[in-house]
Amino acid sequence: RLVIMKAQDPVIGMIGLLQWVEPRLPAPPRERERLGIGDVVFVLQTDNVQEAYRRLQVAGARIFAEPHRFEVRGADGRTLRMTSISFWDPDGYFFEMNERHPG
């Protein structure tokens, strides 16, 4: 099965999610401490990373990196300024959540 979702932001692009139906793959380990080669990272955008962080804490999420600011060059060459957090979900998948800042 394949699903493709287009982002609202033309710089970010789109994502495709593919589910292998046959052969069935084993479930990922539930308690991860680090990432390795070939691991999946889901990258999300939010309007309020601090509120998302608060809600993740209340829900008992395993936080890998608390909110921190950083800069990265976008696809168009301009500098993007963001605040980011990263965490594992209850199924053991790793997520990075970013809030973009103007300028």
C-alpha atoms as a PDB file:
ATOM      1  CA  ARG A   1       0.000   0.000   0.000  1.00  0.00           C
ATOM      2  CA  LEU A   2       1.258   3.484  -0.820  1.00  0.00           C
ATOM      3  CA  VAL A   3       0.026   6.906   0.312  1.00  0.00           C
ATOM      4  CA  ILE A   4       1.586  10.203  -0.835  1.00  0.00           C
ATOM      5  CA  MET A   5       0.820  13.423   1.048  1.00  0.00           C
ATOM      6  CA  LYS A   6       1.786  16.887  -0.213  1.00  0.00           C
ATOM      7  CA  ALA A   7       2.935  19.484   2.317  1.00  0.00           C
ATOM      8  CA  GLN A   8       1.454  22.973   2.506  1.00  0.00           C
ATOM      9  CA  ASP A   9       4.990  24.377   2.188  1.00  0.00           C
ATOM     10  CA  PRO A  10       6.557  24.206  -1.307  1.00  0.00           C
ATOM     11  CA  VAL A  11      10.068  24.040   0.187  1.00  0.00           C
ATOM     12  CA  ILE A  12       9.327  20.987   2.313  1.00  0.00           C
ATOM     13  CA  GLY A  13       7.661  18.950  -0.428  1.00  0.00           C
ATOM     14  CA  MET A  14       5.803  15.721   0.152  1.00  0.00           C
ATOM     15  CA  ILE A  15       6.031  12.359   1.869  1.00  0.00           C
ATOM     16  CA  GLY A  16       5.240   8.867   0.726  1.00  0.00           C
ATOM     17  CA  LEU A  17       4.284   6.138   3.181  1.00  0.00           C
ATOM     18  CA  LEU A  18       4.707   2.570   2.029  1.00  0.00           C
ATOM     19  CA  GLN A  19       3.427  -0.473   3.905  1.00  0.00           C
ATOM     20  CA  TRP A  20       4.977  -3.822   3.077  1.00  0.00           C
ATOM     21  CA  VAL A  21       2.133  -6.331   3.051  1.00  0.00           C
ATOM     22  CA  GLU A  22       4.132  -9.426   1.992  1.00  0.00           C
ATOM     23  CA  PRO A  23       6.467 -10.593   3.344  1.00  0.00           C
ATOM     24  CA  ARG A  24       5.548  -9.263   6.786  1.00  0.00           C
ATOM     25  CA  LEU A  25       8.395  -7.521   8.580  1.00  0.00           C
ATOM     26  CA  PRO A  26       9.020  -7.812  12.327  1.00  0.00           C
ATOM     27  CA  ALA A  27       7.816  -4.967  14.546  1.00  0.00           C
ATOM     28  CA  PRO A  28      10.514  -2.476  15.601  1.00  0.00           C
ATOM     29  CA  PRO A  29      11.900  -2.755  19.134  1.00  0.00           C
ATOM     30  CA  ARG A  30       9.820  -0.708  21.574  1.00  0.00           C
ATOM     31  CA  GLU A  31      12.609   0.688  23.750  1.00  0.00           C
ATOM     32  CA  ARG A  32      15.162   2.461  21.579  1.00  0.00           C
ATOM     33  CA  GLU A  33      18.052   4.533  22.893  1.00  0.00           C
ATOM     34  CA  ARG A  34      19.648   5.679  19.644  1.00  0.00           C
ATOM     35  CA  LEU A  35      19.268   5.664  15.872  1.00  0.00           C
ATOM     36  CA  GLY A  36      21.295   3.678  13.380  1.00  0.00           C
ATOM     37  CA  ILE A  37      21.860   3.404   9.651  1.00  0.00           C
ATOM     38  CA  GLY A  38      18.599   2.688   7.851  1.00  0.00           C
ATOM     39  CA  ASP A  39      16.350   3.824  10.710  1.00  0.00           C
ATOM     40  CA  VAL A  40      13.243   5.839   9.872  1.00  0.00           C
ATOM     41  CA  VAL A  41      12.829   9.416  11.139  1.00  0.00           C
ATOM     42  CA  PHE A  42       9.452  11.122  10.743  1.00  0.00           C
ATOM     43  CA  VAL A  43       9.863  14.906  10.410  1.00  0.00           C
ATOM     44  CA  LEU A  44       6.850  17.082  11.265  1.00  0.00           C
ATOM     45  CA  GLN A  45       6.168  20.810  11.261  1.00  0.00           C
ATOM     46  CA  THR A  46       4.175  22.585  13.969  1.00  0.00           C
ATOM     47  CA  ASP A  47       3.179  26.178  14.731  1.00  0.00           C
ATOM     48  CA  ASN A  48       4.068  25.848  18.443  1.00  0.00           C
ATOM     49  CA  VAL A  49       6.886  23.481  19.374  1.00  0.00           C
ATOM     50  CA  GLN A  50       6.807  24.538  23.050  1.00  0.00           C
ATOM     51  CA  GLU A  51       3.148  23.524  23.378  1.00  0.00           C
ATOM     52  CA  ALA A  52       3.828  20.254  21.554  1.00  0.00           C
ATOM     53  CA  TYR A  53       6.741  19.598  23.932  1.00  0.00           C
ATOM     54  CA  ARG A  54       4.512  20.261  26.958  1.00  0.00           C
ATOM     55  CA  ARG A  55       1.849  17.885  25.641  1.00  0.00           C
ATOM     56  CA  LEU A  56       4.428  15.191  24.886  1.00  0.00           C
ATOM     57  CA  GLN A  57       5.758  15.458  28.450  1.00  0.00           C
ATOM     58  CA  VAL A  58       2.244  15.134  29.904  1.00  0.00           C
ATOM     59  CA  ALA A  59       1.646  12.082  27.695  1.00  0.00           C
ATOM     60  CA  GLY A  60       4.864  10.484  28.965  1.00  0.00           C
ATOM     61  CA  ALA A  61       6.737  10.530  25.649  1.00  0.00           C
ATOM     62  CA  ARG A  62      10.393   9.545  25.671  1.00  0.00           C
ATOM     63  CA  ILE A  63      12.090  12.814  24.753  1.00  0.00           C
ATOM     64  CA  PHE A  64      15.422  12.502  22.954  1.00  0.00           C
ATOM     65  CA  ALA A  65      16.190  16.232  22.522  1.00  0.00           C
ATOM     66  CA  GLU A  66      14.421  19.075  24.308  1.00  0.00           C
ATOM     67  CA  PRO A  67      13.462  22.197  22.319  1.00  0.00           C
ATOM     68  CA  HIS A  68      16.525  23.790  20.722  1.00  0.00           C
ATOM     69  CA  ARG A  69      17.045  26.407  18.020  1.00  0.00           C
ATOM     70  CA  PHE A  70      19.036  25.765  14.861  1.00  0.00           C
ATOM     71  CA  GLU A  71      19.544  27.010  11.315  1.00  0.00           C
ATOM     72  CA  VAL A  72      19.703  25.044   8.063  1.00  0.00           C
ATOM     73  CA  ARG A  73      19.929  26.012   4.398  1.00  0.00           C
ATOM     74  CA  GLY A  74      16.650  25.426   2.559  1.00  0.00           C
ATOM     75  CA  ALA A  75      16.236  23.986  -0.938  1.00  0.00           C
ATOM     76  CA  ASP A  76      16.133  27.535  -2.347  1.00  0.00           C
ATOM     77  CA  GLY A  77      19.437  28.474  -0.636  1.00  0.00           C
ATOM     78  CA  ARG A  78      17.891  30.698   2.032  1.00  0.00           C
ATOM     79  CA  THR A  79      18.566  30.132   5.721  1.00  0.00           C
ATOM     80  CA  LEU A  80      15.695  28.530   7.657  1.00  0.00           C
ATOM     81  CA  ARG A  81      15.509  29.216  11.401  1.00  0.00           C
ATOM     82  CA  MET A  82      13.722  26.636  13.502  1.00  0.00           C
ATOM     83  CA  THR A  83      13.129  25.276  16.980  1.00  0.00           C
ATOM     84  CA  SER A  84      13.143  21.491  17.126  1.00  0.00           C
ATOM     85  CA  ILE A  85      12.398  18.615  19.500  1.00  0.00           C
ATOM     86  CA  SER A  86      12.817  14.892  18.935  1.00  0.00           C
ATOM     87  CA  PHE A  87      11.211  11.901  20.627  1.00  0.00           C
ATOM     88  CA  TRP A  88      10.147   8.265  20.317  1.00  0.00           C
ATOM     89  CA  ASP A  89       6.466   7.402  19.987  1.00  0.00           C
ATOM     90  CA  PRO A  90       4.893   4.488  21.933  1.00  0.00           C
ATOM     91  CA  ASP A  91       5.579   2.112  19.008  1.00  0.00           C
ATOM     92  CA  GLY A  92       9.313   2.902  18.990  1.00  0.00           C
ATOM     93  CA  TYR A  93       9.365   5.223  15.963  1.00  0.00           C
ATOM     94  CA  PHE A  94      11.547   8.342  16.046  1.00  0.00           C
ATOM     95  CA  PHE A  95      10.091  11.800  15.344  1.00  0.00           C
ATOM     96  CA  GLU A  96      11.592  15.248  14.857  1.00  0.00           C
ATOM     97  CA  MET A  97       9.154  18.157  15.207  1.00  0.00           C
ATOM     98  CA  ASN A  98      10.105  21.630  13.942  1.00  0.00           C
ATOM     99  CA  GLU A  99       8.683  25.131  14.244  1.00  0.00           C
ATOM    100  CA  ARG A 100       9.862  27.597  11.608  1.00  0.00           C
ATOM    101  CA  HIS A 101      10.715  31.170  12.560  1.00  0.00           C
ATOM    102  CA  PRO A 102      10.464  34.167  10.224  1.00  0.00           C
ATOM    103  CA  GLY A 103      13.565  35.605   8.619  1.00  0.00           C
END
